[in-house]
Amino acid sequence: MLGELDFTILRQICRHGRLLAFMKDSATTLLSDSEGLLNKALQKFNILPHPLNTLNTKLQSPLEQATENSQGKAISIDHYNLILGYFNQKYLATPLHHYSYFPHPIDAEILPRLASPIQHITHNGQPYSTFATHPGNSSISIQLQNGIIEVGFICSMWSMILQQKEHIFIIIVPHLRLSNHDELKNPYSSRRGFSAGLVYSKSPPKDYEILIDINQILAHVPYYKRPAGTFGISEETMVIINSLNRDQK
């Protein structure tokens, strides 16, 4: 029985390898035929990135920009304000105006309330997804503008055409850090060589959300939920392993 199980696993590994080799050899054809049945099947199983993952760097006319954005979905006012603040901080010379701040100045550019949701992106050859789509692929480490490394889940991703170019905005929900009292019980704090940490598994408040661009992503972060009472901590926790970026940043 054990030999049959080992053989079954070996066959599955071989099939997976053949599929990956086929995808690599046919990547250009598959991505160019975004409406093909095979392409759609691979996207369904998170094997191929969604066509929106590839940034459109071609300048678009104002009409094309308006048409593209009009096909999106309304985003929450909290996410709208995050995007507006982030964009205006990054592009000081060409600020956008809030859609509800009337009257708008002549020739002012308004941040639209509509954006296209994205479930998958690819960065440095690695797939990333929203938490609702694939929790494991949504667990990442990021580097903030001030250099601090943060770890959390991808809450949502949005694509907008702004000032004639496509921009992808990624909203992260950082993990909730242990209290000072519970941190004293964290066995990983004195074992830095494991590159492991311990955080609460409960969701933090809404105002914890962070908006980043794709270049701030460092790597995936594997996690392992532990029940309440583990290490003497009364709440459910998660062990996180932040070593996949190999200290490259």
Protein backbone atom coordinates (compact mmCIF):
# COMPACT_ATOMS: atom_id res chain seq x y z
CA MET A 1 0.00 0.00 0.00
CA LEU A 2 2.81 2.40 0.90
CA GLY A 3 4.57 1.65 -2.40
CA GLU A 4 1.38 2.42 -4.38
CA LEU A 5 0.97 5.72 -2.52
CA ASP A 6 4.57 6.71 -3.24
CA PHE A 7 4.08 5.86 -6.93
CA THR A 8 0.88 7.95 -7.05
CA ILE A 9 2.69 10.95 -5.55
CA LEU A 10 5.56 10.49 -8.02
CA ARG A 11 3.12 10.47 -10.96
CA GLN A 12 1.47 13.66 -9.70
CA ILE A 13 4.87 15.36 -9.41
CA CYS A 14 5.72 14.32 -12.98
CA ARG A 15 2.39 15.62 -14.28
CA HIS A 16 2.92 18.91 -12.48
CA GLY A 17 6.42 19.20 -13.97
CA ARG A 18 5.15 18.52 -17.50
CA LEU A 19 2.42 21.16 -17.08
CA LEU A 20 4.91 23.76 -15.86
CA ALA A 21 7.25 22.97 -18.77
CA PHE A 22 4.36 23.31 -21.23
CA MET A 23 3.35 26.65 -19.71
CA LYS A 24 6.91 27.97 -19.91
CA ASP A 25 7.28 26.94 -23.56
CA SER A 26 3.86 28.36 -24.47
CA ALA A 27 3.76 31.46 -22.23
CA THR A 28 3.75 33.98 -25.07
CA THR A 29 0.94 32.22 -26.93
CA LEU A 30 -1.18 31.70 -23.82
CA LEU A 31 -0.93 35.28 -22.61
CA SER A 32 -1.65 36.72 -26.05
CA ASP A 33 -4.79 34.57 -26.34
CA SER A 34 -6.48 35.82 -23.18
CA GLU A 35 -9.89 34.54 -24.30
CA GLY A 36 -8.73 30.98 -25.05
CA LEU A 37 -10.24 28.12 -23.06
CA LEU A 38 -6.86 26.85 -21.83
CA ASN A 39 -5.86 30.35 -20.75
CA LYS A 40 -9.08 30.76 -18.78
CA ALA A 41 -8.64 27.35 -17.14
CA LEU A 42 -5.08 28.14 -16.03
CA GLN A 43 -6.20 31.51 -14.64
CA LYS A 44 -9.00 29.76 -12.73
CA PHE A 45 -6.48 27.60 -10.91
CA ASN A 46 -4.09 30.54 -10.28
CA ILE A 47 -1.49 29.10 -12.68
CA LEU A 48 -1.43 31.97 -15.14
CA PRO A 49 -1.61 35.61 -14.11
CA HIS A 50 -4.67 37.63 -14.98
CA PRO A 51 -4.20 39.85 -18.07
CA LEU A 52 -4.53 42.91 -15.81
CA ASN A 53 -1.29 41.89 -14.06
CA THR A 54 0.71 43.31 -16.95
CA LEU A 55 0.82 47.07 -16.61
CA ASN A 56 -0.28 48.93 -19.69
CA THR A 57 2.54 51.42 -20.25
CA LYS A 58 1.09 52.85 -23.48
CA LEU A 59 -0.22 56.39 -23.08
CA GLN A 60 -4.00 56.51 -23.40
CA SER A 61 -6.10 59.37 -24.67
CA PRO A 62 -8.52 61.09 -22.24
CA LEU A 63 -11.40 59.29 -23.97
CA GLU A 64 -9.69 55.90 -23.65
CA GLN A 65 -8.88 56.66 -20.02
CA ALA A 66 -12.49 57.58 -19.21
CA THR A 67 -13.81 54.52 -21.07
CA GLU A 68 -11.45 52.16 -19.26
CA ASN A 69 -12.20 53.57 -15.80
CA SER A 70 -15.97 53.57 -16.41
CA GLN A 71 -15.90 49.77 -16.67
CA GLY A 72 -14.70 49.42 -13.08
CA LYS A 73 -16.55 49.09 -9.77
CA ALA A 74 -17.21 51.65 -7.07
CA ILE A 75 -14.60 51.47 -4.32
CA SER A 76 -15.26 52.27 -0.69
CA ILE A 77 -14.67 55.82 0.46
CA ASP A 78 -11.90 54.61 2.81
CA HIS A 79 -10.00 52.97 -0.06
CA TYR A 80 -10.71 55.98 -2.29
CA ASN A 81 -9.12 58.32 0.26
CA LEU A 82 -6.13 55.98 0.64
CA ILE A 83 -5.54 55.98 -3.12
CA LEU A 84 -6.01 59.75 -3.41
CA GLY A 85 -3.57 60.49 -0.57
CA TYR A 86 -1.00 58.00 -1.86
CA PHE A 87 -1.13 59.28 -5.45
CA ASN A 88 -0.91 62.95 -4.50
CA GLN A 89 2.02 62.28 -2.17
CA LYS A 90 3.86 60.40 -4.91
CA TYR A 91 3.05 62.81 -7.76
CA LEU A 92 3.22 66.22 -6.11
CA ALA A 93 3.46 68.11 -9.40
CA THR A 94 0.19 66.71 -10.80
CA PRO A 95 -2.26 66.28 -7.91
CA LEU A 96 -5.73 64.81 -8.36
CA HIS A 97 -8.89 66.25 -6.83
CA HIS A 98 -11.46 64.47 -4.68
CA TYR A 99 -14.61 63.72 -6.68
CA SER A 100 -16.89 65.28 -4.04
CA TYR A 101 -14.99 68.56 -3.54
CA PHE A 102 -17.14 70.99 -5.52
CA PRO A 103 -16.68 73.25 -7.35
CA HIS A 104 -13.75 71.73 -9.21
CA PRO A 105 -11.12 74.14 -10.58
CA ILE A 106 -11.01 74.58 -14.35
CA ASP A 107 -9.06 71.76 -16.05
CA ALA A 108 -8.72 69.90 -12.74
CA GLU A 109 -8.14 66.14 -12.92
CA ILE A 110 -10.50 64.19 -10.69
CA LEU A 111 -9.72 60.81 -9.14
CA PRO A 112 -12.57 58.58 -10.38
CA ARG A 113 -14.69 56.67 -7.87
CA LEU A 114 -14.56 53.59 -10.12
CA ALA A 115 -11.62 51.16 -10.36
CA SER A 116 -11.08 47.68 -11.81
CA PRO A 117 -10.64 44.99 -9.12
CA ILE A 118 -7.74 42.56 -9.53
CA GLN A 119 -7.49 39.16 -7.86
CA HIS A 120 -4.01 38.11 -9.06
CA ILE A 121 -0.72 39.81 -9.92
CA THR A 122 2.77 38.56 -10.71
CA HIS A 123 5.86 40.29 -9.31
CA ASN A 124 9.45 39.09 -9.84
CA GLY A 125 8.07 35.84 -11.20
CA GLN A 126 5.94 35.12 -8.12
CA PRO A 127 2.11 35.07 -8.01
CA TYR A 128 0.24 37.14 -5.43
CA SER A 129 -3.50 37.18 -4.76
CA THR A 130 -6.11 38.82 -2.57
CA PHE A 131 -6.92 37.07 0.70
CA ALA A 132 -10.45 36.17 -0.47
CA THR A 133 -9.01 34.45 -3.55
CA HIS A 134 -5.99 32.65 -2.09
CA PRO A 135 -5.03 33.31 1.57
CA GLY A 136 -1.56 31.78 1.20
CA ASN A 137 -0.65 33.91 -1.82
CA SER A 138 -1.92 37.02 -0.05
CA SER A 139 0.48 36.70 2.91
CA ILE A 140 3.43 38.97 2.12
CA SER A 141 6.19 41.15 3.49
CA ILE A 142 6.50 44.72 2.23
CA GLN A 143 8.94 47.59 2.63
CA LEU A 144 7.36 50.90 3.55
CA GLN A 145 8.62 54.23 2.24
CA ASN A 146 10.45 54.84 5.52
CA GLY A 147 12.31 51.51 5.16
CA ILE A 148 10.35 49.61 7.81
CA ILE A 149 9.44 45.99 6.95
CA GLU A 150 5.78 45.12 7.53
CA VAL A 151 3.95 41.80 7.18
CA GLY A 152 0.27 41.26 6.39
CA PHE A 153 -2.43 40.07 4.00
CA ILE A 154 -3.42 41.60 0.66
CA CYS A 155 -6.94 42.90 1.24
CA SER A 156 -7.68 44.16 -2.29
CA MET A 157 -5.99 45.34 -5.48
CA TRP A 158 -7.26 47.97 -7.92
CA SER A 159 -6.30 49.15 -11.38
CA MET A 160 -6.92 52.73 -12.55
CA ILE A 161 -5.94 54.70 -15.62
CA LEU A 162 -4.65 57.99 -14.23
CA GLN A 163 -2.97 60.72 -16.24
CA GLN A 164 -2.99 58.41 -19.28
CA LYS A 165 -1.17 55.49 -17.59
CA GLU A 166 -2.30 52.39 -15.70
CA HIS A 167 -1.61 52.31 -11.98
CA ILE A 168 -2.11 49.31 -9.69
CA PHE A 169 -2.86 50.01 -6.03
CA ILE A 170 -2.47 47.24 -3.44
CA ILE A 171 -4.15 47.51 -0.04
CA ILE A 172 -2.54 45.55 2.80
CA VAL A 173 -3.92 44.65 6.22
CA PRO A 174 -0.87 44.30 8.52
CA HIS A 175 -0.85 41.62 11.20
CA LEU A 176 -1.71 42.70 14.72
CA ARG A 177 1.42 42.69 16.87
CA LEU A 178 1.48 41.09 20.31
CA SER A 179 0.97 43.24 23.38
CA ASN A 180 4.02 43.91 25.54
CA HIS A 181 2.71 41.36 28.04
CA ASP A 182 2.24 38.59 25.44
CA GLU A 183 5.51 39.42 23.67
CA LEU A 184 7.34 38.23 26.80
CA LYS A 185 5.91 34.75 26.09
CA ASN A 186 6.97 34.74 22.43
CA PRO A 187 9.61 31.98 22.09
CA TYR A 188 10.83 33.33 18.74
CA SER A 189 11.88 36.74 20.04
CA SER A 190 15.08 35.22 21.45
CA ARG A 191 15.68 32.94 18.45
CA ARG A 192 16.25 35.36 15.57
CA GLY A 193 17.94 32.70 13.47
CA PHE A 194 14.58 31.10 12.71
CA SER A 195 13.38 34.35 11.01
CA ALA A 196 10.05 33.60 12.70
CA GLY A 197 7.63 35.82 14.53
CA LEU A 198 4.37 35.58 16.41
CA VAL A 199 1.32 37.79 15.86
CA TYR A 200 -2.37 37.72 16.73
CA SER A 201 -4.51 36.06 14.09
CA LYS A 202 -7.51 38.35 14.62
CA SER A 203 -8.06 41.15 12.13
CA PRO A 204 -6.82 44.62 13.12
CA PRO A 205 -9.04 47.71 12.96
CA LYS A 206 -9.86 49.19 9.53
CA ASP A 207 -7.54 52.16 10.06
CA TYR A 208 -4.57 49.74 10.01
CA GLU A 209 -4.84 49.35 6.23
CA ILE A 210 -1.77 50.35 4.17
CA LEU A 211 -1.66 51.19 0.47
CA ILE A 212 1.46 50.25 -1.51
CA ASP A 213 2.55 49.81 -5.11
CA ILE A 214 3.76 46.52 -6.51
CA ASN A 215 7.47 47.38 -6.20
CA GLN A 216 7.19 47.47 -2.40
CA ILE A 217 6.43 43.74 -2.21
CA LEU A 218 9.37 41.72 -0.88
CA ALA A 219 8.20 38.09 -0.73
CA HIS A 220 5.58 35.62 0.43
CA VAL A 221 5.36 34.96 4.17
CA PRO A 222 4.26 31.44 5.21
CA TYR A 223 2.08 31.37 8.31
CA TYR A 224 0.74 28.77 10.71
CA LYS A 225 -2.26 29.42 12.97
CA ARG A 226 -2.00 28.33 16.59
CA PRO A 227 -4.99 27.97 18.93
CA ALA A 228 -5.62 30.13 21.98
CA GLY A 229 -3.47 29.01 24.90
CA THR A 230 -0.37 28.27 22.79
CA PHE A 231 2.76 29.58 24.55
CA GLY A 232 0.48 30.71 27.38
CA ILE A 233 -1.16 33.40 25.22
CA SER A 234 -4.93 33.54 25.71
CA GLU A 235 -5.77 34.55 22.10
CA GLU A 236 -5.34 32.71 18.79
CA THR A 237 -1.99 33.50 17.20
CA MET A 238 -0.04 32.92 13.98
CA VAL A 239 3.56 31.90 13.52
CA ILE A 240 4.99 33.78 10.52
CA ILE A 241 8.23 32.90 8.68
CA ASN A 242 9.74 35.99 7.07
CA SER A 243 12.80 34.58 5.31
CA LEU A 244 11.80 34.05 1.66
CA ASN A 245 13.18 37.40 0.48
CA ARG A 246 16.66 36.23 1.64
CA ASP A 247 17.40 39.70 3.05
CA GLN A 248 17.68 41.14 -0.48
CA LYS A 249 16.11 44.41 0.69
